[in-house]
Amino acid sequence: MSKKALNFDLNDSLLRKNYPSNNYKKAWYDIRYFLENSGFKHRQYSGYISKSDLSMSKTIQIIKKMSKKYNWLSLSVQEFDVTLIGDEFSLKKYIQQKNNFSL
C-alpha cells in the first residue's frame, strides 16, 4: 500500500450540459468536498493526495462511490488518473530561497 495521487480533467462543455444547476463550476467544489471527506487533501487545481496509505481497491471504491453520487461526473470526465506515491519531497523551500544555490 502507498499514498495515492488523483488528478483529473473535466470537459467544460459536457459539464455545462450535464451538471444539475447553471453553476457548473460548483462541480470542482463538489469533488473537493467529497474527496476531502474521503481522506484526501487538495494539492493544486484538480490534484489530490491521500492523507494515508490506501490500497488500489479502496481507492477505486472511493471513486466509484463518488461517481455514483455525482452522475454528471461519468458524463463529463475527460480523464481521471491515480498515481502511486513513493518517496515525496517538497522543493518549495528551494524555490523560495533568494539567490542561494547551495544544497
PDB file of N, CA and C in Angstrom:
ATOM      1  N   MET A   1       0.845  -1.189   0.000  1.00  0.00           N
ATOM      2  CA  MET A   1       0.000   0.000   0.000  1.00  0.00           C
ATOM      3  C   MET A   1       0.880   1.238   0.000  1.00  0.00           C
ATOM      4  N   SER A   2       0.320   2.286  -0.541  1.00  0.00           N
ATOM      5  CA  SER A   2       1.030   3.559  -0.599  1.00  0.00           C
ATOM      6  C   SER A   2       0.011   4.688  -0.672  1.00  0.00           C
ATOM      7  N   LYS A   3       0.501   5.899  -0.493  1.00  0.00           N
ATOM      8  CA  LYS A   3      -0.363   7.048  -0.722  1.00  0.00           C
ATOM      9  C   LYS A   3      -0.702   7.097  -2.204  1.00  0.00           C
ATOM     10  N   LYS A   4      -1.835   7.712  -2.511  1.00  0.00           N
ATOM     11  CA  LYS A   4      -2.277   7.826  -3.894  1.00  0.00           C
ATOM     12  C   LYS A   4      -2.464   9.294  -4.253  1.00  0.00           C
ATOM     13  N   ALA A   5      -2.097   9.630  -5.482  1.00  0.00           N
ATOM     14  CA  ALA A   5      -2.365  10.957  -6.035  1.00  0.00           C
ATOM     15  C   ALA A   5      -3.457  10.798  -7.079  1.00  0.00           C
ATOM     16  N   LEU A   6      -4.448  11.659  -7.025  1.00  0.00           N
ATOM     17  CA  LEU A   6      -5.527  11.675  -8.005  1.00  0.00           C
ATOM     18  C   LEU A   6      -5.431  12.964  -8.805  1.00  0.00           C
ATOM     19  N   ASN A   7      -5.543  12.859 -10.106  1.00  0.00           N
ATOM     20  CA  ASN A   7      -5.564  14.019 -10.994  1.00  0.00           C
ATOM     21  C   ASN A   7      -6.617  13.766 -12.054  1.00  0.00           C
ATOM     22  N   PHE A   8      -7.407  14.786 -12.344  1.00  0.00           N
ATOM     23  CA  PHE A   8      -8.486  14.591 -13.302  1.00  0.00           C
ATOM     24  C   PHE A   8      -8.716  15.843 -14.140  1.00  0.00           C
ATOM     25  N   ASP A   9      -9.358  15.628 -15.269  1.00  0.00           N
ATOM     26  CA  ASP A   9      -9.801  16.711 -16.148  1.00  0.00           C
ATOM     27  C   ASP A   9     -11.267  16.489 -16.460  1.00  0.00           C
ATOM     28  N   LEU A  10     -12.025  17.569 -16.409  1.00  0.00           N
ATOM     29  CA  LEU A  10     -13.431  17.527 -16.792  1.00  0.00           C
ATOM     30  C   LEU A  10     -13.611  18.322 -18.077  1.00  0.00           C
ATOM     31  N   ASN A  11     -14.524  17.889 -18.911  1.00  0.00           N
ATOM     32  CA  ASN A  11     -14.847  18.583 -20.147  1.00  0.00           C
ATOM     33  C   ASN A  11     -15.865  19.669 -19.820  1.00  0.00           C
ATOM     34  N   ASP A  12     -15.458  20.930 -19.935  1.00  0.00           N
ATOM     35  CA  ASP A  12     -16.322  22.054 -19.564  1.00  0.00           C
ATOM     36  C   ASP A  12     -17.655  22.047 -20.300  1.00  0.00           C
ATOM     37  N   SER A  13     -17.632  21.823 -21.593  1.00  0.00           N
ATOM     38  CA  SER A  13     -18.888  21.884 -22.354  1.00  0.00           C
ATOM     39  C   SER A  13     -19.829  20.742 -21.956  1.00  0.00           C
ATOM     40  N   LEU A  14     -19.292  19.555 -21.715  1.00  0.00           N
ATOM     41  CA  LEU A  14     -20.140  18.448 -21.265  1.00  0.00           C
ATOM     42  C   LEU A  14     -20.628  18.678 -19.839  1.00  0.00           C
ATOM     43  N   LEU A  15     -19.781  19.249 -19.015  1.00  0.00           N
ATOM     44  CA  LEU A  15     -20.164  19.546 -17.639  1.00  0.00           C
ATOM     45  C   LEU A  15     -21.280  20.586 -17.619  1.00  0.00           C
ATOM     46  N   ARG A  16     -21.146  21.614 -18.422  1.00  0.00           N
ATOM     47  CA  ARG A  16     -22.168  22.660 -18.520  1.00  0.00           C
ATOM     48  C   ARG A  16     -23.516  22.038 -18.902  1.00  0.00           C
ATOM     49  N   LYS A  17     -23.468  21.054 -19.767  1.00  0.00           N
ATOM     50  CA  LYS A  17     -24.680  20.384 -20.254  1.00  0.00           C
ATOM     51  C   LYS A  17     -25.265  19.420 -19.213  1.00  0.00           C
ATOM     52  N   ASN A  18     -24.414  18.740 -18.441  1.00  0.00           N
ATOM     53  CA  ASN A  18     -24.865  17.660 -17.563  1.00  0.00           C
ATOM     54  C   ASN A  18     -24.961  18.002 -16.081  1.00  0.00           C
ATOM     55  N   TYR A  19     -24.345  19.103 -15.659  1.00  0.00           N
ATOM     56  CA  TYR A  19     -24.390  19.455 -14.234  1.00  0.00           C
ATOM     57  C   TYR A  19     -25.816  19.885 -13.873  1.00  0.00           C
ATOM     58  N   PRO A  20     -26.299  19.527 -12.686  1.00  0.00           N
ATOM     59  CA  PRO A  20     -27.710  19.762 -12.351  1.00  0.00           C
ATOM     60  C   PRO A  20     -28.109  21.213 -12.071  1.00  0.00           C
ATOM     61  N   SER A  21     -27.189  22.147 -12.146  1.00  0.00           N
ATOM     62  CA  SER A  21     -27.562  23.560 -11.996  1.00  0.00           C
ATOM     63  C   SER A  21     -26.772  24.386 -13.004  1.00  0.00           C
ATOM     64  N   ASN A  22     -27.156  25.646 -13.153  1.00  0.00           N
ATOM     65  CA  ASN A  22     -26.448  26.532 -14.083  1.00  0.00           C
ATOM     66  C   ASN A  22     -25.035  26.843 -13.611  1.00  0.00           C
ATOM     67  N   ASN A  23     -24.796  26.716 -12.333  1.00  0.00           N
ATOM     68  CA  ASN A  23     -23.478  26.995 -11.763  1.00  0.00           C
ATOM     69  C   ASN A  23     -22.603  25.738 -11.844  1.00  0.00           C
ATOM     70  N   TYR A  24     -22.246  25.349 -13.074  1.00  0.00           N
ATOM     71  CA  TYR A  24     -21.499  24.105 -13.280  1.00  0.00           C
ATOM     72  C   TYR A  24     -20.096  24.151 -12.683  1.00  0.00           C
ATOM     73  N   LYS A  25     -19.564  25.343 -12.414  1.00  0.00           N
ATOM     74  CA  LYS A  25     -18.227  25.451 -11.810  1.00  0.00           C
ATOM     75  C   LYS A  25     -18.215  24.878 -10.388  1.00  0.00           C
ATOM     76  N   LYS A  26     -19.396  24.734  -9.804  1.00  0.00           N
ATOM     77  CA  LYS A  26     -19.507  24.152  -8.465  1.00  0.00           C
ATOM     78  C   LYS A  26     -19.096  22.675  -8.461  1.00  0.00           C
ATOM     79  N   ALA A  27     -18.999  22.060  -9.627  1.00  0.00           N
ATOM     80  CA  ALA A  27     -18.608  20.651  -9.723  1.00  0.00           C
ATOM     81  C   ALA A  27     -17.257  20.409  -9.057  1.00  0.00           C
ATOM     82  N   TRP A  28     -16.328  21.333  -9.234  1.00  0.00           N
ATOM     83  CA  TRP A  28     -15.000  21.165  -8.632  1.00  0.00           C
ATOM     84  C   TRP A  28     -15.090  21.230  -7.105  1.00  0.00           C
ATOM     85  N   TYR A  29     -15.992  22.068  -6.590  1.00  0.00           N
ATOM     86  CA  TYR A  29     -16.216  22.124  -5.145  1.00  0.00           C
ATOM     87  C   TYR A  29     -16.826  20.805  -4.661  1.00  0.00           C
ATOM     88  N   ASP A  30     -17.798  20.283  -5.406  1.00  0.00           N
ATOM     89  CA  ASP A  30     -18.433  19.015  -5.031  1.00  0.00           C
ATOM     90  C   ASP A  30     -17.391  17.903  -4.925  1.00  0.00           C
ATOM     91  N   ILE A  31     -16.521  17.826  -5.918  1.00  0.00           N
ATOM     92  CA  ILE A  31     -15.473  16.800  -5.923  1.00  0.00           C
ATOM     93  C   ILE A  31     -14.515  17.020  -4.756  1.00  0.00           C
ATOM     94  N   ARG A  32     -14.129  18.268  -4.546  1.00  0.00           N
ATOM     95  CA  ARG A  32     -13.212  18.573  -3.439  1.00  0.00           C
ATOM     96  C   ARG A  32     -13.822  18.173  -2.099  1.00  0.00           C
ATOM     97  N   TYR A  33     -15.070  18.545  -1.891  1.00  0.00           N
ATOM     98  CA  TYR A  33     -15.756  18.213  -0.641  1.00  0.00           C
ATOM     99  C   TYR A  33     -15.788  16.696  -0.435  1.00  0.00           C
ATOM    100  N   PHE A  34     -16.143  15.967  -1.482  1.00  0.00           N
ATOM    101  CA  PHE A  34     -16.226  14.508  -1.387  1.00  0.00           C
ATOM    102  C   PHE A  34     -14.859  13.899  -1.080  1.00  0.00           C
ATOM    103  N   LEU A  35     -13.845  14.296  -1.842  1.00  0.00           N
ATOM    104  CA  LEU A  35     -12.514  13.703  -1.655  1.00  0.00           C
ATOM    105  C   LEU A  35     -11.907  14.066  -0.302  1.00  0.00           C
ATOM    106  N   GLU A  36     -12.092  15.306   0.137  1.00  0.00           N
ATOM    107  CA  GLU A  36     -11.550  15.692   1.445  1.00  0.00           C
ATOM    108  C   GLU A  36     -12.233  14.919   2.573  1.00  0.00           C
ATOM    109  N   ASN A  37     -13.492  14.576   2.382  1.00  0.00           N
ATOM    110  CA  ASN A  37     -14.204  13.771   3.378  1.00  0.00           C
ATOM    111  C   ASN A  37     -13.945  12.280   3.202  1.00  0.00           C
ATOM    112  N   SER A  38     -13.140  11.939   2.220  1.00  0.00           N
ATOM    113  CA  SER A  38     -12.777  10.541   1.969  1.00  0.00           C
ATOM    114  C   SER A  38     -11.291  10.293   2.187  1.00  0.00           C
ATOM    115  N   GLY A  39     -10.621  11.226   2.881  1.00  0.00           N
ATOM    116  CA  GLY A  39      -9.228  11.001   3.251  1.00  0.00           C
ATOM    117  C   GLY A  39      -8.187  11.564   2.303  1.00  0.00           C
ATOM    118  N   PHE A  40      -8.569  12.521   1.457  1.00  0.00           N
ATOM    119  CA  PHE A  40      -7.621  13.155   0.542  1.00  0.00           C
ATOM    120  C   PHE A  40      -7.457  14.622   0.904  1.00  0.00           C
ATOM    121  N   LYS A  41      -6.307  15.183   0.553  1.00  0.00           N
ATOM    122  CA  LYS A  41      -6.101  16.623   0.710  1.00  0.00           C
ATOM    123  C   LYS A  41      -5.895  17.227  -0.678  1.00  0.00           C
ATOM    124  N   HIS A  42      -6.414  18.420  -0.840  1.00  0.00           N
ATOM    125  CA  HIS A  42      -6.304  19.126  -2.117  1.00  0.00           C
ATOM    126  C   HIS A  42      -4.904  19.704  -2.236  1.00  0.00           C
ATOM    127  N   ARG A  43      -4.251  19.468  -3.368  1.00  0.00           N
ATOM    128  CA  ARG A  43      -2.899  19.988  -3.578  1.00  0.00           C
ATOM    129  C   ARG A  43      -2.888  21.164  -4.543  1.00  0.00           C
ATOM    130  N   GLN A  44      -3.448  20.952  -5.719  1.00  0.00           N
ATOM    131  CA  GLN A  44      -3.465  22.025  -6.707  1.00  0.00           C
ATOM    132  C   GLN A  44      -4.468  21.688  -7.798  1.00  0.00           C
ATOM    133  N   TYR A  45      -5.155  22.712  -8.258  1.00  0.00           N
ATOM    134  CA  TYR A  45      -6.132  22.558  -9.344  1.00  0.00           C
ATOM    135  C   TYR A  45      -6.972  21.298  -9.137  1.00  0.00           C
ATOM    136  N   SER A  46      -6.842  20.328 -10.002  1.00  0.00           N
ATOM    137  CA  SER A  46      -7.612  19.086  -9.896  1.00  0.00           C
ATOM    138  C   SER A  46      -6.727  17.949  -9.404  1.00  0.00           C
ATOM    139  N   GLY A  47      -5.878  18.246  -8.440  1.00  0.00           N
ATOM    140  CA  GLY A  47      -4.952  17.256  -7.898  1.00  0.00           C
ATOM    141  C   GLY A  47      -5.157  17.052  -6.408  1.00  0.00           C
ATOM    142  N   TYR A  48      -5.180  15.802  -5.995  1.00  0.00           N
ATOM    143  CA  TYR A  48      -5.400  15.424  -4.601  1.00  0.00           C
ATOM    144  C   TYR A  48      -4.420  14.330  -4.212  1.00  0.00           C
ATOM    145  N   ILE A  49      -4.065  14.293  -2.923  1.00  0.00           N
ATOM    146  CA  ILE A  49      -3.176  13.263  -2.390  1.00  0.00           C
ATOM    147  C   ILE A  49      -3.843  12.656  -1.163  1.00  0.00           C
ATOM    148  N   SER A  50      -3.803  11.338  -1.069  1.00  0.00           N
ATOM    149  CA  SER A  50      -4.384  10.684   0.106  1.00  0.00           C
ATOM    150  C   SER A  50      -3.559  11.047   1.339  1.00  0.00           C
ATOM    151  N   LYS A  51      -4.240  11.197   2.457  1.00  0.00           N
ATOM    152  CA  LYS A  51      -3.566  11.546   3.704  1.00  0.00           C
ATOM    153  C   LYS A  51      -2.825  10.354   4.299  1.00  0.00           C
ATOM    154  N   SER A  52      -3.217   9.165   3.903  1.00  0.00           N
ATOM    155  CA  SER A  52      -2.572   7.950   4.409  1.00  0.00           C
ATOM    156  C   SER A  52      -2.503   6.919   3.287  1.00  0.00           C
ATOM    157  N   ASP A  53      -1.809   5.835   3.564  1.00  0.00           N
ATOM    158  CA  ASP A  53      -1.700   4.758   2.578  1.00  0.00           C
ATOM    159  C   ASP A  53      -3.078   4.163   2.292  1.00  0.00           C
ATOM    160  N   LEU A  54      -3.320   3.875   1.017  1.00  0.00           N
ATOM    161  CA  LEU A  54      -4.570   3.247   0.586  1.00  0.00           C
ATOM    162  C   LEU A  54      -4.254   2.120  -0.378  1.00  0.00           C
ATOM    163  N   SER A  55      -5.044   1.087  -0.336  1.00  0.00           N
ATOM    164  CA  SER A  55      -4.923   0.047  -1.360  1.00  0.00           C
ATOM    165  C   SER A  55      -5.560   0.576  -2.646  1.00  0.00           C
ATOM    166  N   MET A  56      -5.203  -0.022  -3.761  1.00  0.00           N
ATOM    167  CA  MET A  56      -5.801   0.385  -5.024  1.00  0.00           C
ATOM    168  C   MET A  56      -7.297   0.072  -5.019  1.00  0.00           C
ATOM    169  N   SER A  57      -7.687  -1.042  -4.429  1.00  0.00           N
ATOM    170  CA  SER A  57      -9.113  -1.386  -4.401  1.00  0.00           C
ATOM    171  C   SER A  57      -9.910  -0.382  -3.567  1.00  0.00           C
ATOM    172  N   LYS A  58      -9.352   0.105  -2.462  1.00  0.00           N
ATOM    173  CA  LYS A  58     -10.030   1.126  -1.652  1.00  0.00           C
ATOM    174  C   LYS A  58     -10.128   2.434  -2.433  1.00  0.00           C
ATOM    175  N   THR A  59      -9.078   2.779  -3.162  1.00  0.00           N
ATOM    176  CA  THR A  59      -9.088   3.995  -3.973  1.00  0.00           C
ATOM    177  C   THR A  59     -10.185   3.909  -5.031  1.00  0.00           C
ATOM    178  N   ILE A  60     -10.265   2.791  -5.710  1.00  0.00           N
ATOM    179  CA  ILE A  60     -11.296   2.596  -6.737  1.00  0.00           C
ATOM    180  C   ILE A  60     -12.685   2.639  -6.110  1.00  0.00           C
ATOM    181  N   GLN A  61     -12.821   2.049  -4.942  1.00  0.00           N
ATOM    182  CA  GLN A  61     -14.104   2.059  -4.235  1.00  0.00           C
ATOM    183  C   GLN A  61     -14.551   3.499  -3.944  1.00  0.00           C
ATOM    184  N   ILE A  62     -13.639   4.342  -3.507  1.00  0.00           N
ATOM    185  CA  ILE A  62     -13.949   5.746  -3.218  1.00  0.00           C
ATOM    186  C   ILE A  62     -14.399   6.464  -4.489  1.00  0.00           C
ATOM    187  N   ILE A  63     -13.677   6.256  -5.584  1.00  0.00           N
ATOM    188  CA  ILE A  63     -14.004   6.942  -6.837  1.00  0.00           C
ATOM    189  C   ILE A  63     -15.336   6.447  -7.398  1.00  0.00           C
ATOM    190  N   LYS A  64     -15.597   5.153  -7.292  1.00  0.00           N
ATOM    191  CA  LYS A  64     -16.884   4.623  -7.757  1.00  0.00           C
ATOM    192  C   LYS A  64     -18.037   5.195  -6.932  1.00  0.00           C
ATOM    193  N   LYS A  65     -17.826   5.330  -5.636  1.00  0.00           N
ATOM    194  CA  LYS A  65     -18.850   5.910  -4.758  1.00  0.00           C
ATOM    195  C   LYS A  65     -19.121   7.364  -5.147  1.00  0.00           C
ATOM    196  N   MET A  66     -18.056   8.103  -5.448  1.00  0.00           N
ATOM    197  CA  MET A  66     -18.217   9.495  -5.867  1.00  0.00           C
ATOM    198  C   MET A  66     -18.961   9.571  -7.199  1.00  0.00           C
ATOM    199  N   SER A  67     -18.620   8.695  -8.117  1.00  0.00           N
ATOM    200  CA  SER A  67     -19.270   8.673  -9.423  1.00  0.00           C
ATOM    201  C   SER A  67     -20.755   8.337  -9.303  1.00  0.00           C
ATOM    202  N   LYS A  68     -21.074   7.474  -8.356  1.00  0.00           N
ATOM    203  CA  LYS A  68     -22.481   7.132  -8.117  1.00  0.00           C
ATOM    204  C   LYS A  68     -23.239   8.324  -7.533  1.00  0.00           C
ATOM    205  N   LYS A  69     -22.577   9.044  -6.645  1.00  0.00           N
ATOM    206  CA  LYS A  69     -23.209  10.212  -6.014  1.00  0.00           C
ATOM    207  C   LYS A  69     -23.404  11.344  -7.013  1.00  0.00           C
ATOM    208  N   TYR A  70     -22.429  11.540  -7.891  1.00  0.00           N
ATOM    209  CA  TYR A  70     -22.472  12.621  -8.878  1.00  0.00           C
ATOM    210  C   TYR A  70     -22.557  12.004 -10.272  1.00  0.00           C
ATOM    211  N   ASN A  71     -23.777  11.753 -10.745  1.00  0.00           N
ATOM    212  CA  ASN A  71     -23.912  11.087 -12.044  1.00  0.00           C
ATOM    213  C   ASN A  71     -23.393  11.941 -13.195  1.00  0.00           C
ATOM    214  N   TRP A  72     -23.296  13.231 -13.026  1.00  0.00           N
ATOM    215  CA  TRP A  72     -22.752  14.116 -14.054  1.00  0.00           C
ATOM    216  C   TRP A  72     -21.253  13.869 -14.259  1.00  0.00           C
ATOM    217  N   LEU A  73     -20.590  13.282 -13.275  1.00  0.00           N
ATOM    218  CA  LEU A  73     -19.150  13.048 -13.377  1.00  0.00           C
ATOM    219  C   LEU A  73     -18.823  12.076 -14.510  1.00  0.00           C
ATOM    220  N   SER A  74     -19.537  10.975 -14.585  1.00  0.00           N
ATOM    221  CA  SER A  74     -19.253   9.992 -15.644  1.00  0.00           C
ATOM    222  C   SER A  74     -19.560  10.546 -17.030  1.00  0.00           C
ATOM    223  N   LEU A  75     -20.441  11.531 -17.108  1.00  0.00           N
ATOM    224  CA  LEU A  75     -20.815  12.130 -18.390  1.00  0.00           C
ATOM    225  C   LEU A  75     -19.871  13.254 -18.805  1.00  0.00           C
ATOM    226  N   SER A  76     -19.035  13.708 -17.883  1.00  0.00           N
ATOM    227  CA  SER A  76     -18.213  14.896 -18.128  1.00  0.00           C
ATOM    228  C   SER A  76     -16.715  14.683 -17.965  1.00  0.00           C
ATOM    229  N   VAL A  77     -16.304  13.532 -17.479  1.00  0.00           N
ATOM    230  CA  VAL A  77     -14.883  13.302 -17.204  1.00  0.00           C
ATOM    231  C   VAL A  77     -14.114  13.076 -18.507  1.00  0.00           C
ATOM    232  N   GLN A  78     -12.976  13.745 -18.625  1.00  0.00           N
ATOM    233  CA  GLN A  78     -12.069  13.501 -19.751  1.00  0.00           C
ATOM    234  C   GLN A  78     -11.023  12.466 -19.362  1.00  0.00           C
ATOM    235  N   GLU A  79     -10.503  12.614 -18.153  1.00  0.00           N
ATOM    236  CA  GLU A  79      -9.506  11.667 -17.637  1.00  0.00           C
ATOM    237  C   GLU A  79      -9.527  11.725 -16.122  1.00  0.00           C
ATOM    238  N   PHE A  80      -9.200  10.605 -15.506  1.00  0.00           N
ATOM    239  CA  PHE A  80      -9.122  10.533 -14.048  1.00  0.00           C
ATOM    240  C   PHE A  80      -8.025   9.528 -13.726  1.00  0.00           C
ATOM    241  N   ASP A  81      -6.880  10.024 -13.308  1.00  0.00           N
ATOM    242  CA  ASP A  81      -5.695   9.189 -13.092  1.00  0.00           C
ATOM    243  C   ASP A  81      -5.407   9.006 -11.609  1.00  0.00           C
ATOM    244  N   VAL A  82      -4.835   7.866 -11.297  1.00  0.00           N
ATOM    245  CA  VAL A  82      -4.306   7.620  -9.959  1.00  0.00           C
ATOM    246  C   VAL A  82      -2.830   7.263 -10.115  1.00  0.00           C
ATOM    247  N   THR A  83      -2.016   7.831  -9.237  1.00  0.00           N
ATOM    248  CA  THR A  83      -0.577   7.564  -9.236  1.00  0.00           C
ATOM    249  C   THR A  83      -0.188   7.076  -7.853  1.00  0.00           C
ATOM    250  N   LEU A  84       0.631   6.040  -7.806  1.00  0.00           N
ATOM    251  CA  LEU A  84       1.154   5.546  -6.534  1.00  0.00           C
ATOM    252  C   LEU A  84       2.318   6.438  -6.127  1.00  0.00           C
ATOM    253  N   ILE A  85       2.259   6.960  -4.921  1.00  0.00           N
ATOM    254  CA  ILE A  85       3.301   7.865  -4.445  1.00  0.00           C
ATOM    255  C   ILE A  85       4.316   7.079  -3.629  1.00  0.00           C
ATOM    256  N   GLY A  86       5.559   7.170  -4.036  1.00  0.00           N
ATOM    257  CA  GLY A  86       6.649   6.581  -3.262  1.00  0.00           C
ATOM    258  C   GLY A  86       7.168   7.646  -2.311  1.00  0.00           C
ATOM    259  N   ASP A  87       8.439   7.915  -2.392  1.00  0.00           N
ATOM    260  CA  ASP A  87       9.016   8.988  -1.589  1.00  0.00           C
ATOM    261  C   ASP A  87       8.532  10.317  -2.147  1.00  0.00           C
ATOM    262  N   GLU A  88       8.246  11.227  -1.251  1.00  0.00           N
ATOM    263  CA  GLU A  88       7.736  12.532  -1.657  1.00  0.00           C
ATOM    264  C   GLU A  88       8.568  13.607  -0.973  1.00  0.00           C
ATOM    265  N   PHE A  89       9.057  14.546  -1.758  1.00  0.00           N
ATOM    266  CA  PHE A  89       9.879  15.627  -1.239  1.00  0.00           C
ATOM    267  C   PHE A  89       9.364  16.949  -1.780  1.00  0.00           C
ATOM    268  N   SER A  90       9.128  17.897  -0.905  1.00  0.00           N
ATOM    269  CA  SER A  90       8.725  19.227  -1.345  1.00  0.00           C
ATOM    270  C   SER A  90       9.975  20.037  -1.673  1.00  0.00           C
ATOM    271  N   LEU A  91       9.973  20.663  -2.822  1.00  0.00           N
ATOM    272  CA  LEU A  91      11.084  21.526  -3.239  1.00  0.00           C
ATOM    273  C   LEU A  91      10.744  23.000  -3.065  1.00  0.00           C
ATOM    274  N   LYS A  92       9.630  23.270  -2.428  1.00  0.00           N
ATOM    275  CA  LYS A  92       9.150  24.638  -2.245  1.00  0.00           C
ATOM    276  C   LYS A  92      10.192  25.534  -1.577  1.00  0.00           C
ATOM    277  N   LYS A  93      10.868  25.028  -0.539  1.00  0.00           N
ATOM    278  CA  LYS A  93      11.836  25.873   0.174  1.00  0.00           C
ATOM    279  C   LYS A  93      12.993  26.281  -0.732  1.00  0.00           C
ATOM    280  N   TYR A  94      13.369  25.419  -1.685  1.00  0.00           N
ATOM    281  CA  TYR A  94      14.456  25.760  -2.607  1.00  0.00           C
ATOM    282  C   TYR A  94      14.013  26.812  -3.614  1.00  0.00           C
ATOM    283  N   ILE A  95      12.772  26.767  -3.982  1.00  0.00           N
ATOM    284  CA  ILE A  95      12.234  27.754  -4.921  1.00  0.00           C
ATOM    285  C   ILE A  95      12.121  29.110  -4.248  1.00  0.00           C
ATOM    286  N   GLN A  96      11.765  29.119  -2.976  1.00  0.00           N
ATOM    287  CA  GLN A  96      11.540  30.374  -2.268  1.00  0.00           C
ATOM    288  C   GLN A  96      12.816  31.022  -1.746  1.00  0.00           C
ATOM    289  N   GLN A  97      13.933  30.301  -1.730  1.00  0.00           N
ATOM    290  CA  GLN A  97      15.195  30.890  -1.289  1.00  0.00           C
ATOM    291  C   GLN A  97      15.681  31.874  -2.345  1.00  0.00           C
ATOM    292  N   LYS A  98      16.118  33.028  -1.922  1.00  0.00           N
ATOM    293  CA  LYS A  98      16.594  34.077  -2.834  1.00  0.00           C
ATOM    294  C   LYS A  98      18.077  33.891  -3.126  1.00  0.00           C
ATOM    295  N   ASN A  99      18.403  33.631  -4.374  1.00  0.00           N
ATOM    296  CA  ASN A  99      19.787  33.568  -4.857  1.00  0.00           C
ATOM    297  C   ASN A  99      20.702  32.701  -4.000  1.00  0.00           C
ATOM    298  N   ASN A 100      20.197  31.646  -3.447  1.00  0.00           N
ATOM    299  CA  ASN A 100      21.010  30.735  -2.665  1.00  0.00           C
ATOM    300  C   ASN A 100      20.967  29.380  -3.360  1.00  0.00           C
ATOM    301  N   PHE A 101      22.041  29.044  -4.045  1.00  0.00           N
ATOM    302  CA  PHE A 101      22.055  27.842  -4.858  1.00  0.00           C
ATOM    303  C   PHE A 101      22.730  26.661  -4.173  1.00  0.00           C
ATOM    304  N   SER A 102      23.052  26.790  -2.908  1.00  0.00           N
ATOM    305  CA  SER A 102      23.688  25.669  -2.213  1.00  0.00           C
ATOM    306  C   SER A 102      22.620  24.697  -1.727  1.00  0.00           C
ATOM    307  N   LEU A 103      22.999  23.434  -1.637  1.00  0.00           N
ATOM    308  CA  LEU A 103      22.081  22.411  -1.123  1.00  0.00           C
ATOM    309  C   LEU A 103      22.392  22.226   0.301  1.00  0.00           C
TER     310      LEU A 103
END
